[in-house]
Structure formats: structure tokens, C-alpha cells
Amino acid sequence: VSQKVLIEQLRALEEHGMVSRQPSARDRQGIEYLLTPLGESLRPILELLIEWGVHHAMELDEADRLLPCEAVVRDRIIRSENENA
């Protein structure tokens, strides 16, 4: 996913109340996206989707292509290094 597409998607999620945006505590130019309570309410559904994906990847012998979720989403935070890219 390109940075531009990621930022567009995060802004759409923010518009719909799923995430909130704030300056990064670790990087002056960075932005952190935090799940709102509404976004957090999707966690059980997302966990079921992850289980489904893992199950079918194993059936297709493609489990080696899966990324661990921690590589994509840190606990409660999605981070964009530079919002202006």
C-alpha cells in the first residue's frame, strides 16, 4: 500500500469515527491514529476475519505468505510516518 492510499484510508476511517488522529509522541512530524471506542468495538469481528484468513491460507498452503498482525497494526495504534507524503 502506498503512503498516499494509506493516508486516504485513515482519513476516511477518521471521518467515520473509527480512528482519531493525533501528533506522535515519538516523532515531531509523525502522526498516530488511535482506535476510538467505535473502532475498538470491531476488534472481535476483525479477529474472526484473521482466523478465517489464516485457516484458508493454510488450506491453500500459503500460510508462509501471511504477515503477523503486529507487523501491520501495533496494539491500538496505526502510525503514519509523514502525513504529507
N, C-alpha and C. Protein backbone atom coordinates (compact mmCIF):
# COMPACT_ATOMS: atom_id res chain seq x y z
N VAL A 1 0.85 -1.17 0.00
CA VAL A 1 0.00 0.00 0.00
C VAL A 1 0.89 1.24 0.00
N SER A 2 0.61 2.16 -0.88
CA SER A 2 1.40 3.39 -0.91
C SER A 2 1.00 4.28 0.27
N GLN A 3 1.88 5.15 0.66
CA GLN A 3 1.61 6.06 1.77
C GLN A 3 0.38 6.93 1.47
N LYS A 4 0.25 7.35 0.23
CA LYS A 4 -0.89 8.19 -0.16
C LYS A 4 -2.21 7.45 0.07
N VAL A 5 -2.28 6.21 -0.37
CA VAL A 5 -3.50 5.41 -0.21
C VAL A 5 -3.77 5.15 1.27
N LEU A 6 -2.72 4.84 2.02
CA LEU A 6 -2.88 4.60 3.45
C LEU A 6 -3.46 5.83 4.15
N ILE A 7 -2.92 6.99 3.85
CA ILE A 7 -3.41 8.22 4.47
C ILE A 7 -4.86 8.50 4.07
N GLU A 8 -5.20 8.27 2.81
CA GLU A 8 -6.59 8.46 2.37
C GLU A 8 -7.53 7.54 3.14
N GLN A 9 -7.14 6.28 3.32
CA GLN A 9 -7.97 5.33 4.05
C GLN A 9 -8.09 5.71 5.52
N LEU A 10 -6.99 6.13 6.12
CA LEU A 10 -7.03 6.54 7.53
C LEU A 10 -7.91 7.77 7.72
N ARG A 11 -7.86 8.70 6.79
CA ARG A 11 -8.72 9.89 6.89
C ARG A 11 -10.20 9.50 6.75
N ALA A 12 -10.49 8.54 5.88
CA ALA A 12 -11.87 8.08 5.75
C ALA A 12 -12.33 7.41 7.03
N LEU A 13 -11.46 6.60 7.65
CA LEU A 13 -11.80 5.97 8.92
C LEU A 13 -12.02 7.02 10.00
N GLU A 14 -11.23 8.08 9.96
CA GLU A 14 -11.39 9.18 10.93
C GLU A 14 -12.74 9.86 10.71
N GLU A 15 -13.11 10.10 9.46
CA GLU A 15 -14.39 10.73 9.13
C GLU A 15 -15.57 9.93 9.67
N HIS A 16 -15.42 8.62 9.65
CA HIS A 16 -16.49 7.72 10.11
C HIS A 16 -16.41 7.40 11.59
N GLY A 17 -15.47 8.04 12.30
CA GLY A 17 -15.40 7.87 13.74
C GLY A 17 -14.73 6.60 14.22
N MET A 18 -13.99 5.94 13.34
CA MET A 18 -13.33 4.68 13.71
C MET A 18 -11.96 4.91 14.35
N VAL A 19 -11.27 5.96 13.93
CA VAL A 19 -9.96 6.29 14.49
C VAL A 19 -9.90 7.78 14.78
N SER A 20 -8.99 8.14 15.67
CA SER A 20 -8.71 9.56 15.90
C SER A 20 -7.24 9.79 15.58
N ARG A 21 -6.94 10.99 15.13
CA ARG A 21 -5.59 11.34 14.72
C ARG A 21 -4.98 12.29 15.73
N GLN A 22 -3.70 12.07 16.05
CA GLN A 22 -3.00 12.97 16.97
C GLN A 22 -1.52 13.00 16.62
N PRO A 23 -0.83 14.08 16.99
CA PRO A 23 0.61 14.14 16.74
C PRO A 23 1.31 13.01 17.51
N SER A 24 2.35 12.49 16.91
CA SER A 24 3.10 11.40 17.52
C SER A 24 3.91 11.90 18.72
N ALA A 25 3.88 11.14 19.78
CA ALA A 25 4.69 11.48 20.96
C ALA A 25 6.16 11.15 20.71
N ARG A 26 6.42 10.25 19.76
CA ARG A 26 7.79 9.80 19.48
C ARG A 26 8.47 10.58 18.37
N ASP A 27 7.70 11.14 17.46
CA ASP A 27 8.28 11.80 16.28
C ASP A 27 7.52 13.10 16.03
N ARG A 28 8.22 14.21 16.07
CA ARG A 28 7.57 15.52 15.94
C ARG A 28 6.76 15.66 14.67
N GLN A 29 7.20 15.05 13.56
CA GLN A 29 6.48 15.19 12.30
C GLN A 29 5.52 14.03 12.05
N GLY A 30 5.53 13.03 12.91
CA GLY A 30 4.68 11.86 12.72
C GLY A 30 3.27 12.07 13.26
N ILE A 31 2.40 11.21 12.83
CA ILE A 31 1.01 11.20 13.26
C ILE A 31 0.68 9.79 13.73
N GLU A 32 -0.10 9.70 14.79
CA GLU A 32 -0.58 8.40 15.25
C GLU A 32 -2.09 8.37 15.10
N TYR A 33 -2.59 7.23 14.70
CA TYR A 33 -4.02 7.02 14.58
C TYR A 33 -4.42 6.02 15.66
N LEU A 34 -5.33 6.42 16.52
CA LEU A 34 -5.79 5.58 17.62
C LEU A 34 -7.21 5.13 17.36
N LEU A 35 -7.50 3.89 17.70
CA LEU A 35 -8.87 3.41 17.59
C LEU A 35 -9.75 4.14 18.59
N THR A 36 -10.89 4.56 18.13
CA THR A 36 -11.90 5.15 19.02
C THR A 36 -12.67 3.98 19.66
N PRO A 37 -13.53 4.25 20.62
CA PRO A 37 -14.36 3.16 21.15
C PRO A 37 -15.17 2.46 20.05
N LEU A 38 -15.65 3.21 19.06
CA LEU A 38 -16.37 2.60 17.95
C LEU A 38 -15.45 1.67 17.15
N GLY A 39 -14.24 2.14 16.87
CA GLY A 39 -13.27 1.30 16.16
C GLY A 39 -12.89 0.08 16.97
N GLU A 40 -12.70 0.28 18.26
CA GLU A 40 -12.34 -0.83 19.15
C GLU A 40 -13.45 -1.88 19.18
N SER A 41 -14.69 -1.46 19.00
CA SER A 41 -15.81 -2.42 19.03
C SER A 41 -15.75 -3.41 17.86
N LEU A 42 -14.96 -3.11 16.83
CA LEU A 42 -14.80 -4.02 15.70
C LEU A 42 -13.76 -5.11 15.95
N ARG A 43 -13.00 -4.99 17.04
CA ARG A 43 -11.92 -5.94 17.30
C ARG A 43 -12.38 -7.39 17.23
N PRO A 44 -13.49 -7.80 17.87
CA PRO A 44 -13.90 -9.21 17.79
C PRO A 44 -14.18 -9.66 16.34
N ILE A 45 -14.76 -8.78 15.55
CA ILE A 45 -15.05 -9.11 14.16
C ILE A 45 -13.75 -9.26 13.37
N LEU A 46 -12.82 -8.35 13.59
CA LEU A 46 -11.54 -8.42 12.90
C LEU A 46 -10.77 -9.67 13.28
N GLU A 47 -10.83 -10.05 14.56
CA GLU A 47 -10.15 -11.27 14.99
C GLU A 47 -10.74 -12.50 14.30
N LEU A 48 -12.06 -12.52 14.10
CA LEU A 48 -12.68 -13.63 13.37
C LEU A 48 -12.23 -13.64 11.90
N LEU A 49 -12.11 -12.46 11.29
CA LEU A 49 -11.62 -12.39 9.92
C LEU A 49 -10.18 -12.88 9.81
N ILE A 50 -9.36 -12.54 10.80
CA ILE A 50 -7.98 -13.02 10.80
C ILE A 50 -7.95 -14.54 10.88
N GLU A 51 -8.75 -15.11 11.79
CA GLU A 51 -8.82 -16.57 11.91
C GLU A 51 -9.25 -17.20 10.59
N TRP A 52 -10.26 -16.62 9.95
CA TRP A 52 -10.74 -17.12 8.68
C TRP A 52 -9.62 -17.09 7.63
N GLY A 53 -8.91 -15.97 7.56
CA GLY A 53 -7.83 -15.83 6.59
C GLY A 53 -6.71 -16.83 6.83
N VAL A 54 -6.34 -17.03 8.08
CA VAL A 54 -5.29 -17.99 8.41
C VAL A 54 -5.73 -19.40 8.02
N HIS A 55 -6.96 -19.74 8.36
CA HIS A 55 -7.48 -21.07 8.02
C HIS A 55 -7.40 -21.32 6.52
N HIS A 56 -7.85 -20.38 5.71
CA HIS A 56 -7.86 -20.58 4.26
C HIS A 56 -6.46 -20.49 3.66
N ALA A 57 -5.60 -19.70 4.23
CA ALA A 57 -4.21 -19.67 3.76
C ALA A 57 -3.55 -21.03 3.99
N MET A 58 -3.86 -21.64 5.13
CA MET A 58 -3.30 -22.97 5.41
C MET A 58 -3.89 -24.01 4.44
N GLU A 59 -5.18 -23.91 4.16
CA GLU A 59 -5.80 -24.84 3.20
C GLU A 59 -5.17 -24.71 1.81
N LEU A 60 -4.78 -23.51 1.44
CA LEU A 60 -4.17 -23.26 0.13
C LEU A 60 -2.65 -23.41 0.16
N ASP A 61 -2.12 -23.82 1.31
CA ASP A 61 -0.68 -23.96 1.51
C ASP A 61 0.05 -22.63 1.24
N GLU A 62 -0.55 -21.54 1.71
CA GLU A 62 0.03 -20.21 1.53
C GLU A 62 0.27 -19.50 2.85
N ALA A 63 0.31 -20.25 3.95
CA ALA A 63 0.50 -19.64 5.26
C ALA A 63 1.82 -18.89 5.36
N ASP A 64 2.81 -19.29 4.59
CA ASP A 64 4.11 -18.61 4.62
C ASP A 64 4.03 -17.19 4.06
N ARG A 65 2.95 -16.85 3.37
CA ARG A 65 2.78 -15.52 2.80
C ARG A 65 2.10 -14.54 3.75
N LEU A 66 1.61 -15.04 4.89
CA LEU A 66 0.90 -14.19 5.84
C LEU A 66 1.87 -13.32 6.63
N LEU A 67 1.46 -12.10 6.91
CA LEU A 67 2.21 -11.22 7.80
C LEU A 67 1.58 -11.29 9.19
N PRO A 68 2.41 -11.29 10.22
CA PRO A 68 1.80 -11.21 11.56
C PRO A 68 1.12 -9.86 11.71
N CYS A 69 -0.02 -9.81 12.36
CA CYS A 69 -0.77 -8.56 12.50
C CYS A 69 0.08 -7.48 13.15
N GLU A 70 0.98 -7.86 14.05
CA GLU A 70 1.83 -6.87 14.72
C GLU A 70 2.71 -6.13 13.73
N ALA A 71 2.97 -6.74 12.56
CA ALA A 71 3.79 -6.08 11.55
C ALA A 71 3.01 -4.96 10.86
N VAL A 72 1.69 -5.01 10.96
CA VAL A 72 0.86 -4.03 10.28
C VAL A 72 0.22 -3.06 11.26
N VAL A 73 -0.30 -3.58 12.35
CA VAL A 73 -1.02 -2.76 13.33
C VAL A 73 -0.47 -3.05 14.72
N ARG A 74 0.12 -2.04 15.33
CA ARG A 74 0.56 -2.19 16.71
C ARG A 74 -0.66 -2.06 17.60
N ASP A 75 -0.59 -2.57 18.80
CA ASP A 75 -1.74 -2.56 19.69
C ASP A 75 -2.34 -1.16 19.80
N ARG A 76 -3.53 -1.01 19.25
CA ARG A 76 -4.36 0.19 19.27
C ARG A 76 -3.81 1.36 18.47
N ILE A 77 -2.65 1.21 17.80
CA ILE A 77 -2.09 2.36 17.09
C ILE A 77 -1.72 1.98 15.66
N ILE A 78 -2.14 2.79 14.73
CA ILE A 78 -1.67 2.71 13.36
C ILE A 78 -0.89 4.00 13.14
N ARG A 79 0.36 3.89 12.71
CA ARG A 79 1.20 5.08 12.65
C ARG A 79 1.56 5.44 11.21
N SER A 80 1.46 6.69 10.89
CA SER A 80 1.90 7.19 9.60
C SER A 80 3.11 8.07 9.84
N GLU A 81 4.23 7.73 9.23
CA GLU A 81 5.48 8.45 9.48
C GLU A 81 5.40 9.92 9.06
N ASN A 82 4.85 10.17 7.89
CA ASN A 82 4.83 11.54 7.39
C ASN A 82 3.52 11.76 6.64
N GLU A 83 2.63 12.50 7.21
CA GLU A 83 1.30 12.67 6.63
C GLU A 83 1.32 13.40 5.29
N ASN A 84 2.31 14.16 5.01
CA ASN A 84 2.33 14.98 3.80
C ASN A 84 2.88 14.26 2.57
N ALA A 85 3.23 13.00 2.68
CA ALA A 85 3.81 12.29 1.54
C ALA A 85 2.77 12.01 0.47
